[in-house]
Amino acid sequence: MTYSLDFRKQVLKSIDEGMTFAEAAEFYNLSPTTIQNWKRRVHSKTTRQTNPYKIPDDMLLNDVKEYPDDYQYERARRLNCSKKAFIMP
């Protein structure tokens, strides 16, 4: 879950004003590790370091229409993704 920048700044302001990490974590109902991470970087990440795990639905539907009898590994190779991208929860 991403918290708003204003909320993050408020939590860090409380730390700067003398509240300990444990006190702030309990008061704001957060993990102390989360607050420590915000201390290092207050802004949330805008990019991801890994490729997305799912492929677009329309792309998959078109592929199924064109190749209805293909195996999962064949479809994964053609759509340049892992076989796990097709496993439904």
N, C-alpha and C. Protein backbone atom coordinates (compact mmCIF):
# COMPACT_ATOMS: atom_id res chain seq x y z
N MET A 1 0.84 -1.17 0.00
CA MET A 1 0.00 0.00 0.00
C MET A 1 0.88 1.23 0.00
N THR A 2 0.54 2.20 -0.83
CA THR A 2 1.29 3.44 -0.90
C THR A 2 0.59 4.51 -0.08
N TYR A 3 1.31 5.12 0.81
CA TYR A 3 0.76 6.19 1.63
C TYR A 3 1.03 7.52 0.94
N SER A 4 0.18 8.50 1.21
CA SER A 4 0.35 9.81 0.57
C SER A 4 1.64 10.47 1.07
N LEU A 5 2.14 11.36 0.25
CA LEU A 5 3.38 12.06 0.59
C LEU A 5 3.16 12.93 1.83
N ASP A 6 1.98 13.53 1.96
CA ASP A 6 1.69 14.35 3.14
C ASP A 6 1.75 13.51 4.42
N PHE A 7 1.18 12.31 4.36
CA PHE A 7 1.20 11.43 5.53
C PHE A 7 2.63 11.04 5.88
N ARG A 8 3.41 10.69 4.87
CA ARG A 8 4.80 10.32 5.12
C ARG A 8 5.57 11.45 5.78
N LYS A 9 5.36 12.67 5.26
CA LYS A 9 6.05 13.83 5.82
C LYS A 9 5.61 14.10 7.26
N GLN A 10 4.33 13.88 7.55
CA GLN A 10 3.83 14.07 8.91
C GLN A 10 4.49 13.09 9.88
N VAL A 11 4.61 11.84 9.45
CA VAL A 11 5.26 10.83 10.29
C VAL A 11 6.71 11.21 10.53
N LEU A 12 7.41 11.61 9.48
CA LEU A 12 8.83 11.98 9.62
C LEU A 12 8.99 13.25 10.45
N LYS A 13 8.02 14.15 10.37
CA LYS A 13 8.07 15.36 11.19
C LYS A 13 7.95 14.99 12.66
N SER A 14 7.11 14.02 12.98
CA SER A 14 6.96 13.56 14.35
C SER A 14 8.28 12.98 14.87
N ILE A 15 8.98 12.26 14.01
CA ILE A 15 10.29 11.70 14.38
C ILE A 15 11.28 12.83 14.64
N ASP A 16 11.28 13.84 13.77
CA ASP A 16 12.20 14.97 13.93
C ASP A 16 11.92 15.77 15.20
N GLU A 17 10.65 15.76 15.63
CA GLU A 17 10.27 16.51 16.83
C GLU A 17 10.50 15.72 18.11
N GLY A 18 11.08 14.52 18.01
CA GLY A 18 11.47 13.80 19.20
C GLY A 18 10.78 12.47 19.44
N MET A 19 9.82 12.11 18.62
CA MET A 19 9.15 10.83 18.79
C MET A 19 10.10 9.73 18.32
N THR A 20 10.14 8.61 19.04
CA THR A 20 10.99 7.50 18.61
C THR A 20 10.30 6.74 17.48
N PHE A 21 11.07 5.89 16.80
CA PHE A 21 10.50 5.08 15.72
C PHE A 21 9.41 4.17 16.26
N ALA A 22 9.64 3.58 17.43
CA ALA A 22 8.65 2.67 18.03
C ALA A 22 7.38 3.41 18.40
N GLU A 23 7.53 4.61 18.98
CA GLU A 23 6.35 5.41 19.34
C GLU A 23 5.57 5.82 18.10
N ALA A 24 6.28 6.26 17.08
CA ALA A 24 5.62 6.68 15.84
C ALA A 24 4.92 5.49 15.17
N ALA A 25 5.57 4.35 15.20
CA ALA A 25 4.99 3.16 14.59
C ALA A 25 3.69 2.78 15.30
N GLU A 26 3.69 2.86 16.62
CA GLU A 26 2.48 2.53 17.36
C GLU A 26 1.40 3.59 17.16
N PHE A 27 1.78 4.85 17.19
CA PHE A 27 0.82 5.95 17.06
C PHE A 27 0.15 5.95 15.68
N TYR A 28 0.96 5.77 14.63
CA TYR A 28 0.43 5.82 13.26
C TYR A 28 0.04 4.44 12.73
N ASN A 29 0.20 3.41 13.56
CA ASN A 29 -0.13 2.04 13.17
C ASN A 29 0.66 1.60 11.93
N LEU A 30 1.97 1.76 12.02
CA LEU A 30 2.90 1.40 10.94
C LEU A 30 3.99 0.49 11.50
N SER A 31 4.73 -0.09 10.60
CA SER A 31 5.90 -0.85 10.99
C SER A 31 7.09 0.11 11.18
N PRO A 32 7.91 -0.09 12.21
CA PRO A 32 9.10 0.75 12.35
C PRO A 32 10.01 0.69 11.13
N THR A 33 10.05 -0.46 10.47
CA THR A 33 10.87 -0.61 9.26
C THR A 33 10.35 0.30 8.15
N THR A 34 9.05 0.43 8.04
CA THR A 34 8.47 1.32 7.04
C THR A 34 8.92 2.75 7.28
N ILE A 35 8.89 3.16 8.51
CA ILE A 35 9.29 4.54 8.83
C ILE A 35 10.78 4.73 8.55
N GLN A 36 11.59 3.73 8.88
CA GLN A 36 13.02 3.84 8.58
C GLN A 36 13.27 3.93 7.08
N ASN A 37 12.50 3.18 6.29
CA ASN A 37 12.63 3.26 4.84
C ASN A 37 12.24 4.64 4.33
N TRP A 38 11.20 5.23 4.91
CA TRP A 38 10.78 6.57 4.52
C TRP A 38 11.84 7.60 4.88
N LYS A 39 12.55 7.37 5.97
CA LYS A 39 13.62 8.28 6.38
C LYS A 39 14.71 8.32 5.30
N ARG A 40 14.96 7.17 4.67
CA ARG A 40 15.96 7.10 3.60
C ARG A 40 15.44 7.70 2.30
N ARG A 41 14.15 7.44 1.99
CA ARG A 41 13.58 7.94 0.74
C ARG A 41 12.09 8.21 0.99
N VAL A 42 11.73 9.48 1.06
CA VAL A 42 10.36 9.85 1.40
C VAL A 42 9.40 9.65 0.22
N HIS A 43 9.89 9.80 -0.99
CA HIS A 43 9.04 9.65 -2.17
C HIS A 43 8.90 8.18 -2.54
N SER A 44 7.72 7.79 -3.00
CA SER A 44 7.50 6.40 -3.39
C SER A 44 8.15 6.13 -4.75
N LYS A 45 8.41 4.87 -5.01
CA LYS A 45 9.02 4.48 -6.28
C LYS A 45 8.02 4.67 -7.41
N THR A 46 8.52 5.11 -8.56
CA THR A 46 7.64 5.29 -9.71
C THR A 46 7.90 4.24 -10.79
N THR A 47 8.97 3.48 -10.64
CA THR A 47 9.27 2.43 -11.61
C THR A 47 9.45 1.12 -10.87
N ARG A 48 9.34 0.04 -11.59
CA ARG A 48 9.55 -1.27 -10.99
C ARG A 48 10.84 -1.87 -11.53
N GLN A 49 11.43 -2.74 -10.74
CA GLN A 49 12.69 -3.35 -11.14
C GLN A 49 12.48 -4.68 -11.84
N THR A 50 11.28 -5.21 -11.80
CA THR A 50 11.00 -6.47 -12.46
C THR A 50 9.95 -6.27 -13.53
N ASN A 51 9.88 -7.19 -14.45
CA ASN A 51 8.86 -7.12 -15.48
C ASN A 51 7.50 -7.48 -14.89
N PRO A 52 6.43 -6.95 -15.47
CA PRO A 52 5.12 -7.32 -14.97
C PRO A 52 4.88 -8.81 -15.11
N TYR A 53 4.09 -9.38 -14.22
CA TYR A 53 3.85 -10.81 -14.22
C TYR A 53 2.69 -11.23 -15.13
N LYS A 54 1.84 -10.30 -15.49
CA LYS A 54 0.70 -10.64 -16.32
C LYS A 54 0.85 -10.00 -17.69
N ILE A 55 0.17 -10.60 -18.67
CA ILE A 55 0.14 -10.02 -20.00
C ILE A 55 -1.24 -9.40 -20.20
N PRO A 56 -1.38 -8.46 -21.12
CA PRO A 56 -2.69 -7.83 -21.34
C PRO A 56 -3.74 -8.86 -21.76
N ASP A 57 -4.95 -8.70 -21.26
CA ASP A 57 -6.03 -9.64 -21.53
C ASP A 57 -6.35 -9.74 -23.02
N ASP A 58 -6.39 -8.60 -23.71
CA ASP A 58 -6.74 -8.64 -25.14
C ASP A 58 -5.69 -9.39 -25.95
N MET A 59 -4.43 -9.26 -25.56
CA MET A 59 -3.36 -9.97 -26.24
C MET A 59 -3.51 -11.49 -26.07
N LEU A 60 -3.86 -11.90 -24.85
CA LEU A 60 -4.06 -13.32 -24.57
C LEU A 60 -5.27 -13.86 -25.32
N LEU A 61 -6.36 -13.11 -25.31
CA LEU A 61 -7.57 -13.56 -26.01
C LEU A 61 -7.33 -13.73 -27.50
N ASN A 62 -6.61 -12.80 -28.10
CA ASN A 62 -6.29 -12.92 -29.53
C ASN A 62 -5.43 -14.15 -29.80
N ASP A 63 -4.48 -14.41 -28.91
CA ASP A 63 -3.62 -15.56 -29.10
C ASP A 63 -4.40 -16.87 -28.96
N VAL A 64 -5.33 -16.92 -28.03
CA VAL A 64 -6.14 -18.12 -27.84
C VAL A 64 -7.03 -18.35 -29.06
N LYS A 65 -7.54 -17.26 -29.64
CA LYS A 65 -8.38 -17.40 -30.84
C LYS A 65 -7.57 -17.93 -32.02
N GLU A 66 -6.35 -17.44 -32.16
CA GLU A 66 -5.51 -17.86 -33.28
C GLU A 66 -4.95 -19.27 -33.09
N TYR A 67 -4.59 -19.61 -31.88
CA TYR A 67 -3.97 -20.91 -31.58
C TYR A 67 -4.70 -21.58 -30.42
N PRO A 68 -5.91 -22.06 -30.63
CA PRO A 68 -6.71 -22.59 -29.52
C PRO A 68 -6.17 -23.88 -28.89
N ASP A 69 -5.38 -24.65 -29.61
CA ASP A 69 -4.92 -25.94 -29.10
C ASP A 69 -3.48 -25.92 -28.60
N ASP A 70 -2.87 -24.76 -28.50
CA ASP A 70 -1.47 -24.70 -28.07
C ASP A 70 -1.31 -25.01 -26.59
N TYR A 71 -0.14 -25.53 -26.25
CA TYR A 71 0.21 -25.76 -24.86
C TYR A 71 0.62 -24.45 -24.22
N GLN A 72 0.60 -24.45 -22.91
CA GLN A 72 0.94 -23.25 -22.15
C GLN A 72 2.37 -22.78 -22.44
N TYR A 73 3.31 -23.69 -22.53
CA TYR A 73 4.69 -23.29 -22.78
C TYR A 73 4.85 -22.68 -24.17
N GLU A 74 4.06 -23.13 -25.15
CA GLU A 74 4.13 -22.56 -26.50
C GLU A 74 3.59 -21.13 -26.50
N ARG A 75 2.49 -20.93 -25.80
CA ARG A 75 1.90 -19.60 -25.71
C ARG A 75 2.85 -18.65 -24.97
N ALA A 76 3.48 -19.13 -23.92
CA ALA A 76 4.41 -18.30 -23.17
C ALA A 76 5.60 -17.89 -24.03
N ARG A 77 6.10 -18.81 -24.82
CA ARG A 77 7.23 -18.50 -25.71
C ARG A 77 6.82 -17.43 -26.72
N ARG A 78 5.63 -17.57 -27.29
CA ARG A 78 5.17 -16.63 -28.31
C ARG A 78 4.89 -15.24 -27.72
N LEU A 79 4.37 -15.19 -26.49
CA LEU A 79 4.03 -13.91 -25.87
C LEU A 79 5.16 -13.34 -25.01
N ASN A 80 6.29 -14.04 -25.00
CA ASN A 80 7.49 -13.58 -24.30
C ASN A 80 7.23 -13.36 -22.81
N CYS A 81 6.69 -14.38 -22.17
CA CYS A 81 6.45 -14.33 -20.73
C CYS A 81 6.69 -15.71 -20.15
N SER A 82 6.59 -15.81 -18.84
CA SER A 82 6.76 -17.11 -18.20
C SER A 82 5.48 -17.93 -18.28
N LYS A 83 5.61 -19.23 -18.07
CA LYS A 83 4.44 -20.08 -18.07
C LYS A 83 3.51 -19.73 -16.91
N LYS A 84 4.06 -19.23 -15.84
CA LYS A 84 3.26 -18.90 -14.67
C LYS A 84 2.33 -17.73 -14.92
N ALA A 85 2.57 -16.95 -15.95
CA ALA A 85 1.70 -15.82 -16.25
C ALA A 85 0.28 -16.27 -16.59
N PHE A 86 0.11 -17.52 -16.93
CA PHE A 86 -1.20 -18.02 -17.34
C PHE A 86 -1.93 -18.76 -16.22
N ILE A 87 -1.29 -18.97 -15.11
CA ILE A 87 -1.92 -19.73 -14.02
C ILE A 87 -2.91 -18.83 -13.29
N MET A 88 -4.11 -19.30 -13.16
CA MET A 88 -5.15 -18.53 -12.49
C MET A 88 -5.14 -18.88 -11.00
N PRO A 89 -5.39 -17.89 -10.13
CA PRO A 89 -5.41 -18.17 -8.69
C PRO A 89 -6.60 -19.00 -8.28
